[in-house]
Amino acid sequence: MGGYMYILRCGDGSYYVGSTRDIITRLRQHQAGEGAEYTRRRLPVELVFVQPCESIVQAYWFEKKVQNWSRAKREALINGELHLLPGLSKKTFKRSGSGE
């Protein structure tokens, strides 16, 4: 049985990342305020991305990966701008003090 990784845009503009076996039922639950605590407090919600997966395990793995992404990286995925993902993965560190 397959699964889905999905992203919702919440009423406050934030994103919620989840996984499920039944995307239609899960979306209805979120929209009715019966989903996760996070989305219940941020209604209404809109489905902005869904990725079919071979299994619920794969969907859950993808969910956990995307949950750690920045907003910019999530938006690149939502917008289908996959070519931007590698650049958005690079971390930049500011050096404090000159020390030289």
Protein backbone atom coordinates (compact mmCIF):
# COMPACT_ATOMS: atom_id res chain seq x y z
CA MET A 1 0.00 0.00 0.00
CA GLY A 2 1.32 3.45 -0.92
CA GLY A 3 1.44 6.73 0.88
CA TYR A 4 1.67 10.46 0.35
CA MET A 5 3.85 13.23 1.69
CA TYR A 6 1.99 16.53 1.64
CA ILE A 7 2.39 20.20 2.48
CA LEU A 8 -0.45 22.44 3.66
CA ARG A 9 -0.41 26.23 3.68
CA CYS A 10 -2.09 27.35 6.87
CA GLY A 11 -4.25 30.42 7.39
CA ASP A 12 -1.35 32.26 9.02
CA GLY A 13 0.92 31.58 6.02
CA SER A 14 2.98 28.88 7.71
CA TYR A 15 3.46 25.41 6.26
CA TYR A 16 2.56 22.03 7.72
CA VAL A 17 4.26 18.88 6.42
CA GLY A 18 2.63 15.49 6.89
CA SER A 19 2.24 11.99 5.51
CA THR A 20 -0.74 9.70 5.09
CA ARG A 21 -2.09 6.67 3.26
CA ASP A 22 -5.30 8.47 2.23
CA ILE A 23 -4.68 12.06 1.11
CA ILE A 24 -8.36 12.91 0.49
CA THR A 25 -9.53 11.79 3.94
CA ARG A 26 -6.55 13.40 5.68
CA LEU A 27 -7.09 16.73 3.90
CA ARG A 28 -10.76 16.70 4.92
CA GLN A 29 -9.73 16.01 8.52
CA HIS A 30 -7.35 18.96 8.52
CA GLN A 31 -9.92 21.27 6.93
CA ALA A 32 -12.56 20.24 9.49
CA GLY A 33 -10.21 21.00 12.39
CA GLU A 34 -9.75 17.30 13.17
CA GLY A 35 -6.14 17.10 12.01
CA ALA A 36 -2.97 17.90 13.88
CA GLU A 37 -2.99 20.39 16.75
CA TYR A 38 -0.79 22.69 14.65
CA THR A 39 -3.32 22.97 11.82
CA ARG A 40 -6.36 23.18 14.14
CA ARG A 41 -5.05 26.48 15.44
CA ARG A 42 -4.25 27.81 11.96
CA LEU A 43 -7.36 27.20 9.86
CA PRO A 44 -8.12 27.38 7.03
CA VAL A 45 -5.57 25.09 5.38
CA GLU A 46 -4.88 24.55 1.70
CA LEU A 47 -3.10 21.62 0.07
CA VAL A 48 -0.18 23.10 -1.87
CA PHE A 49 1.98 20.02 -2.53
CA VAL A 50 1.50 16.26 -2.62
CA GLN A 51 4.05 13.57 -3.48
CA PRO A 52 2.85 10.00 -4.02
CA CYS A 53 5.23 7.44 -2.50
CA GLU A 54 5.58 3.68 -2.88
CA SER A 55 4.91 3.08 0.81
CA ILE A 56 3.81 4.92 3.93
CA VAL A 57 7.33 4.35 5.29
CA GLN A 58 8.80 6.22 2.33
CA ALA A 59 6.20 9.00 2.73
CA TYR A 60 7.03 9.33 6.44
CA TRP A 61 10.76 9.46 5.66
CA PHE A 62 10.17 12.22 3.09
CA GLU A 63 7.95 14.09 5.59
CA LYS A 64 10.69 14.09 8.23
CA LYS A 65 13.25 15.25 5.69
CA VAL A 66 11.12 18.18 4.46
CA GLN A 67 10.15 19.20 8.01
CA ASN A 68 13.79 20.18 8.56
CA TRP A 69 13.93 22.33 5.44
CA SER A 70 13.86 26.12 5.43
CA ARG A 71 10.80 28.00 4.25
CA ALA A 72 12.64 28.98 1.04
CA LYS A 73 13.48 25.36 0.28
CA ARG A 74 9.90 24.21 0.95
CA GLU A 75 8.59 26.94 -1.36
CA ALA A 76 11.00 25.89 -4.12
CA LEU A 77 9.61 22.34 -3.83
CA ILE A 78 6.01 23.60 -3.82
CA ASN A 79 6.69 25.75 -6.89
CA GLY A 80 8.41 22.93 -8.77
CA GLU A 81 11.73 24.80 -8.79
CA LEU A 82 13.75 21.68 -8.07
CA HIS A 83 16.89 23.18 -9.59
CA LEU A 84 17.02 25.62 -6.63
CA LEU A 85 17.06 22.91 -3.96
CA PRO A 86 20.83 22.21 -3.93
CA GLY A 87 21.68 25.90 -3.50
CA LEU A 88 19.15 26.27 -0.72
CA SER A 89 20.76 23.35 1.08
CA LYS A 90 24.09 25.06 1.51
CA LYS A 91 24.59 26.63 4.89
CA THR A 92 26.52 29.85 5.21
CA PHE A 93 28.31 30.76 8.39
CA LYS A 94 29.22 34.26 9.41
CA ARG A 95 32.59 34.70 11.01
CA SER A 96 32.57 36.69 14.19
CA GLY A 97 35.55 38.95 14.81
CA SER A 98 38.58 39.20 12.59
CA GLY A 99 41.06 37.29 14.75
CA GLU A 100 43.83 38.19 12.34
